[in-house]
N, C-alpha and C. Protein backbone atom coordinates (compact mmCIF):
# COMPACT_ATOMS: atom_id res chain seq x y z
N MET A 1 205.25 45.51 -1.19
CA MET A 1 205.11 46.11 -2.38
C MET A 1 204.12 45.38 -3.17
N LYS A 2 204.05 44.02 -3.10
CA LYS A 2 202.99 43.26 -3.80
C LYS A 2 201.55 43.63 -3.33
N SER A 3 201.43 43.88 -1.97
CA SER A 3 200.17 44.30 -1.56
C SER A 3 199.68 45.62 -2.01
N VAL A 4 200.48 46.49 -2.22
CA VAL A 4 200.10 47.91 -2.85
C VAL A 4 199.53 47.51 -4.36
N ARG A 5 200.43 46.71 -5.04
CA ARG A 5 200.00 46.53 -6.49
C ARG A 5 198.69 45.67 -6.49
N ARG A 6 198.58 44.88 -5.67
CA ARG A 6 197.26 43.99 -5.52
C ARG A 6 196.06 44.81 -5.32
N LYS A 7 196.22 45.70 -4.24
CA LYS A 7 195.20 46.71 -3.94
C LYS A 7 194.87 47.63 -5.10
N VAL A 8 195.86 48.05 -5.88
CA VAL A 8 195.68 48.95 -7.06
C VAL A 8 194.91 47.94 -7.97
N ALA A 9 195.23 46.79 -8.34
CA ALA A 9 194.74 45.91 -9.38
C ALA A 9 193.18 45.62 -9.00
N ASP A 10 193.04 45.56 -7.60
CA ASP A 10 191.69 45.26 -7.16
C ASP A 10 190.68 46.38 -7.34
N THR A 11 191.32 47.62 -7.05
CA THR A 11 190.44 48.95 -7.39
C THR A 11 190.31 49.08 -8.66
N VAL A 12 191.19 48.96 -9.72
CA VAL A 12 190.96 49.00 -10.96
C VAL A 12 189.95 48.03 -11.58
N ASN A 13 190.07 46.66 -11.06
CA ASN A 13 188.84 45.75 -11.44
C ASN A 13 187.62 46.03 -10.94
N SER A 14 187.45 46.56 -9.69
CA SER A 14 186.26 46.95 -9.20
C SER A 14 185.62 48.13 -9.92
N ILE A 15 186.45 49.05 -10.36
CA ILE A 15 185.98 50.31 -11.15
C ILE A 15 185.36 49.77 -12.51
N LYS A 16 186.22 48.74 -13.13
CA LYS A 16 185.72 48.39 -14.38
C LYS A 16 184.43 47.65 -14.35
N GLU A 17 184.36 46.72 -13.30
CA GLU A 17 183.09 46.04 -12.88
C GLU A 17 181.85 46.98 -12.74
N GLY A 18 182.08 47.94 -11.93
CA GLY A 18 181.10 49.07 -11.70
C GLY A 18 180.70 49.63 -12.99
N GLU A 19 181.65 50.00 -13.86
CA GLU A 19 181.31 50.66 -15.06
C GLU A 19 180.50 49.64 -16.02
N GLN A 20 180.89 48.35 -16.06
CA GLN A 20 180.13 47.47 -16.79
C GLN A 20 178.73 47.29 -16.27
N LYS A 21 178.42 47.15 -15.04
CA LYS A 21 177.25 47.12 -14.36
C LYS A 21 176.30 48.41 -14.69
N GLY A 22 176.98 49.46 -14.55
CA GLY A 22 176.22 50.74 -14.83
C GLY A 22 175.81 50.80 -16.27
N ALA A 23 176.70 50.39 -17.17
CA ALA A 23 176.34 50.40 -18.64
C ALA A 23 175.25 49.31 -18.96
N GLN A 24 175.27 48.18 -18.26
CA GLN A 24 174.18 47.21 -18.43
C GLN A 24 172.93 47.69 -17.89
N GLU A 25 172.98 48.34 -16.69
CA GLU A 25 171.74 48.87 -16.08
C GLU A 25 171.12 49.92 -16.99
N ALA A 26 171.97 50.79 -17.63
CA ALA A 26 171.43 51.85 -18.36
C ALA A 26 170.74 51.26 -19.60
N MET A 27 171.35 50.34 -20.20
CA MET A 27 171.01 49.53 -21.38
C MET A 27 169.56 48.97 -21.13
N MET A 28 169.46 48.27 -19.96
CA MET A 28 168.26 47.69 -19.74
C MET A 28 167.13 48.60 -19.43
N GLU A 29 167.33 49.80 -18.74
CA GLU A 29 166.28 50.65 -18.57
C GLU A 29 165.93 51.21 -19.91
N GLU A 30 166.85 51.56 -20.82
CA GLU A 30 166.57 52.07 -22.08
C GLU A 30 165.66 51.06 -22.97
N ILE A 31 165.97 49.78 -22.91
CA ILE A 31 165.07 48.83 -23.59
C ILE A 31 163.70 48.79 -22.85
N PHE A 32 163.72 48.70 -21.64
CA PHE A 32 162.43 48.72 -20.98
C PHE A 32 161.53 49.91 -21.33
N HIS A 33 162.03 50.98 -21.18
CA HIS A 33 161.25 52.22 -21.50
C HIS A 33 160.98 52.27 -23.05
N ASP A 34 161.73 51.86 -23.89
CA ASP A 34 161.46 51.84 -25.19
C ASP A 34 160.32 50.90 -25.62
N MET A 35 160.38 49.71 -24.93
CA MET A 35 159.41 48.60 -25.32
C MET A 35 158.00 48.87 -24.67
N TYR A 36 157.99 49.40 -23.47
CA TYR A 36 156.72 49.61 -22.75
C TYR A 36 156.43 50.96 -22.72
N HIS A 37 156.35 51.71 -23.83
CA HIS A 37 156.01 53.04 -23.89
C HIS A 37 154.48 53.26 -23.77
N GLU A 38 153.69 52.26 -24.56
CA GLU A 38 152.30 52.33 -24.49
C GLU A 38 151.61 51.21 -23.60
N ARG A 39 151.52 51.56 -22.34
CA ARG A 39 150.91 50.51 -21.41
C ARG A 39 149.58 49.93 -21.82
N LYS A 40 148.59 50.73 -22.34
CA LYS A 40 147.43 50.18 -22.67
C LYS A 40 147.65 49.05 -23.74
N ARG A 41 148.42 49.20 -24.73
CA ARG A 41 148.64 48.28 -25.67
C ARG A 41 149.24 46.99 -25.21
N ILE A 42 150.26 47.13 -24.17
CA ILE A 42 150.77 45.99 -23.56
C ILE A 42 149.80 45.10 -22.78
N TYR A 43 148.91 45.83 -21.95
CA TYR A 43 147.90 45.13 -21.27
C TYR A 43 146.94 44.40 -22.24
N LYS A 44 146.60 45.06 -23.28
CA LYS A 44 145.62 44.41 -24.26
C LYS A 44 146.28 43.29 -25.01
N VAL A 45 147.63 43.31 -25.25
CA VAL A 45 148.31 42.15 -25.92
C VAL A 45 148.39 41.04 -24.91
N ASN A 46 148.73 41.40 -23.67
CA ASN A 46 148.97 40.28 -22.72
C ASN A 46 147.60 39.70 -22.33
N PHE A 47 146.51 40.42 -22.43
CA PHE A 47 145.10 39.79 -22.04
C PHE A 47 144.78 38.80 -23.07
N PHE A 48 144.98 39.22 -24.45
CA PHE A 48 144.63 38.28 -25.57
C PHE A 48 145.61 37.15 -25.55
N ARG A 49 146.93 37.30 -25.22
CA ARG A 49 147.87 36.34 -25.21
C ARG A 49 147.39 35.25 -24.02
N GLY A 50 146.97 35.66 -22.95
CA GLY A 50 146.42 34.70 -21.90
C GLY A 50 145.21 33.97 -22.21
N ILE A 51 144.31 34.69 -22.99
CA ILE A 51 143.09 33.99 -23.50
C ILE A 51 143.62 32.85 -24.53
N PHE A 52 144.39 33.12 -25.50
CA PHE A 52 144.85 32.11 -26.44
C PHE A 52 145.67 30.99 -25.80
N PHE A 53 146.52 31.35 -24.78
CA PHE A 53 147.21 30.47 -24.17
C PHE A 53 146.33 29.36 -23.31
N GLY A 54 145.26 29.97 -22.60
CA GLY A 54 144.38 29.03 -21.97
C GLY A 54 143.63 28.13 -22.89
N ALA A 55 143.05 28.83 -24.01
CA ALA A 55 142.36 27.93 -24.97
C ALA A 55 143.29 26.88 -25.68
N GLY A 56 144.48 27.28 -26.04
CA GLY A 56 145.24 26.28 -26.60
C GLY A 56 145.66 25.07 -25.60
N SER A 57 145.86 25.44 -24.39
CA SER A 57 146.19 24.50 -23.33
C SER A 57 145.03 23.53 -23.23
N ALA A 58 143.84 24.04 -23.19
CA ALA A 58 142.59 23.16 -23.07
C ALA A 58 142.54 22.33 -24.29
N ILE A 59 142.61 22.89 -25.45
CA ILE A 59 142.48 22.10 -26.79
C ILE A 59 143.43 21.06 -26.83
N GLY A 60 144.76 21.41 -26.37
CA GLY A 60 145.95 20.59 -26.51
C GLY A 60 145.79 19.27 -25.43
N GLY A 61 145.27 19.76 -24.29
CA GLY A 61 145.02 18.66 -23.23
C GLY A 61 143.92 17.77 -23.63
N THR A 62 142.95 18.37 -24.15
CA THR A 62 141.84 17.35 -24.75
C THR A 62 142.26 16.40 -25.75
N LEU A 63 143.10 16.93 -26.83
CA LEU A 63 143.58 16.09 -27.78
C LEU A 63 144.54 14.99 -27.25
N VAL A 64 145.46 15.38 -26.29
CA VAL A 64 146.32 14.35 -25.79
C VAL A 64 145.69 13.43 -24.93
N LEU A 65 144.64 13.75 -24.20
CA LEU A 65 143.82 12.82 -23.43
C LEU A 65 143.14 11.82 -24.27
N GLY A 66 142.54 12.51 -25.53
CA GLY A 66 141.74 11.51 -26.39
C GLY A 66 142.75 10.57 -27.11
N VAL A 67 143.91 10.94 -27.39
CA VAL A 67 144.84 9.97 -27.99
C VAL A 67 145.23 8.92 -26.96
N ILE A 68 145.45 9.31 -25.72
CA ILE A 68 145.88 8.29 -24.74
C ILE A 68 144.67 7.49 -24.41
N LEU A 69 143.49 7.81 -24.43
CA LEU A 69 142.35 6.89 -24.23
C LEU A 69 142.11 6.09 -25.41
N TRP A 70 142.36 6.46 -26.59
CA TRP A 70 142.33 5.66 -27.75
C TRP A 70 143.34 4.68 -27.92
N ILE A 71 144.67 4.90 -27.47
CA ILE A 71 145.81 4.01 -27.31
C ILE A 71 145.29 2.92 -26.27
N LEU A 72 144.72 3.36 -25.07
CA LEU A 72 144.29 2.32 -24.05
C LEU A 72 143.21 1.57 -24.53
N SER A 73 142.44 2.02 -25.42
CA SER A 73 141.29 1.23 -25.92
C SER A 73 141.80 -0.03 -26.70
N LEU A 74 142.99 0.13 -27.32
CA LEU A 74 143.50 -0.90 -28.10
C LEU A 74 143.86 -2.02 -27.14
N PHE A 75 144.00 -1.86 -25.86
CA PHE A 75 144.42 -3.02 -25.03
C PHE A 75 143.38 -3.77 -24.45
N VAL A 76 142.22 -3.53 -24.85
CA VAL A 76 141.11 -4.11 -24.32
C VAL A 76 141.09 -5.78 -24.44
N ASN A 77 141.55 -6.31 -25.42
CA ASN A 77 141.64 -7.74 -25.75
C ASN A 77 142.76 -8.41 -25.15
N PHE A 78 143.61 -7.62 -24.34
CA PHE A 78 144.90 -8.21 -23.82
C PHE A 78 144.40 -8.99 -22.49
N PRO A 79 144.94 -10.25 -22.22
CA PRO A 79 144.56 -11.13 -21.25
C PRO A 79 144.74 -10.44 -19.67
N VAL A 80 145.82 -9.84 -19.51
CA VAL A 80 145.86 -9.34 -18.09
C VAL A 80 145.26 -8.22 -17.73
N VAL A 81 145.51 -7.15 -18.53
CA VAL A 81 144.89 -5.87 -18.32
C VAL A 81 143.54 -5.60 -19.13
N GLY A 82 143.20 -6.56 -19.79
CA GLY A 82 142.00 -6.46 -20.70
C GLY A 82 140.78 -6.32 -19.92
N ASP A 83 140.61 -7.09 -18.84
CA ASP A 83 139.41 -6.97 -18.00
C ASP A 83 139.30 -5.56 -17.17
N PHE A 84 140.43 -5.03 -16.92
CA PHE A 84 140.30 -3.60 -16.24
C PHE A 84 139.77 -2.77 -17.31
N PHE A 85 140.41 -2.75 -18.56
CA PHE A 85 140.25 -1.83 -19.55
C PHE A 85 138.70 -1.94 -20.16
N LYS A 86 138.24 -3.22 -20.02
CA LYS A 86 136.81 -3.64 -20.58
C LYS A 86 135.81 -2.95 -19.47
N ASP A 87 136.15 -3.09 -18.28
CA ASP A 87 135.25 -2.52 -17.25
C ASP A 87 135.33 -1.04 -17.45
N ALA A 88 136.37 -0.41 -17.63
CA ALA A 88 136.35 1.12 -17.73
C ALA A 88 135.60 1.51 -19.00
N GLN A 89 135.67 0.70 -20.04
CA GLN A 89 135.14 1.06 -21.21
C GLN A 89 133.58 0.92 -21.15
N ASN A 90 133.17 -0.12 -20.44
CA ASN A 90 131.70 -0.34 -20.21
C ASN A 90 131.12 0.78 -19.27
N SER A 91 131.82 1.22 -18.33
CA SER A 91 131.43 2.29 -17.32
C SER A 91 131.32 3.66 -18.16
N ILE A 92 132.26 3.81 -19.14
CA ILE A 92 132.26 5.08 -19.91
C ILE A 92 130.97 4.96 -20.86
N GLU A 93 130.73 3.98 -21.47
CA GLU A 93 129.55 3.72 -22.47
C GLU A 93 128.26 3.92 -21.59
N GLN A 94 128.28 3.44 -20.45
CA GLN A 94 126.98 3.48 -19.64
C GLN A 94 126.63 4.90 -19.27
N THR A 95 127.77 5.69 -18.94
CA THR A 95 127.52 7.01 -18.53
C THR A 95 127.07 8.05 -19.73
N GLN A 96 127.41 7.57 -20.99
CA GLN A 96 127.19 8.22 -22.14
C GLN A 96 125.70 8.12 -22.76
N GLN A 97 125.04 6.93 -22.34
CA GLN A 97 123.81 6.55 -22.70
C GLN A 97 122.78 7.26 -21.96
N PRO A 98 121.69 7.86 -22.38
CA PRO A 98 120.59 8.49 -21.59
C PRO A 98 119.90 7.53 -20.88
N PRO A 99 119.52 7.89 -19.55
CA PRO A 99 118.61 6.92 -18.72
C PRO A 99 117.36 6.57 -19.37
N GLN A 100 116.87 5.42 -19.13
CA GLN A 100 115.61 4.89 -19.74
C GLN A 100 114.52 4.98 -18.70
């Protein structure tokens, strides 16, 4: 008797899950078709979004690298690592000077 009740309960649960999945899929399809009605506009928006993302990444990376190098330049006078940073600073300054 319990096995029949169990089978009926499993069947009811699977029907409920199927209905929920079907409703979720229908909702997702409706949202997708509603948002992506104009493909050309979406392509244009994504193109400019990619350009600005790339430019922002380059500018942000440059600023972060500049701050890191500035902080490292403060350690030039330290006894242990000072020589290493001093050599690095000298090589950077030599590459920035025009050849004579």
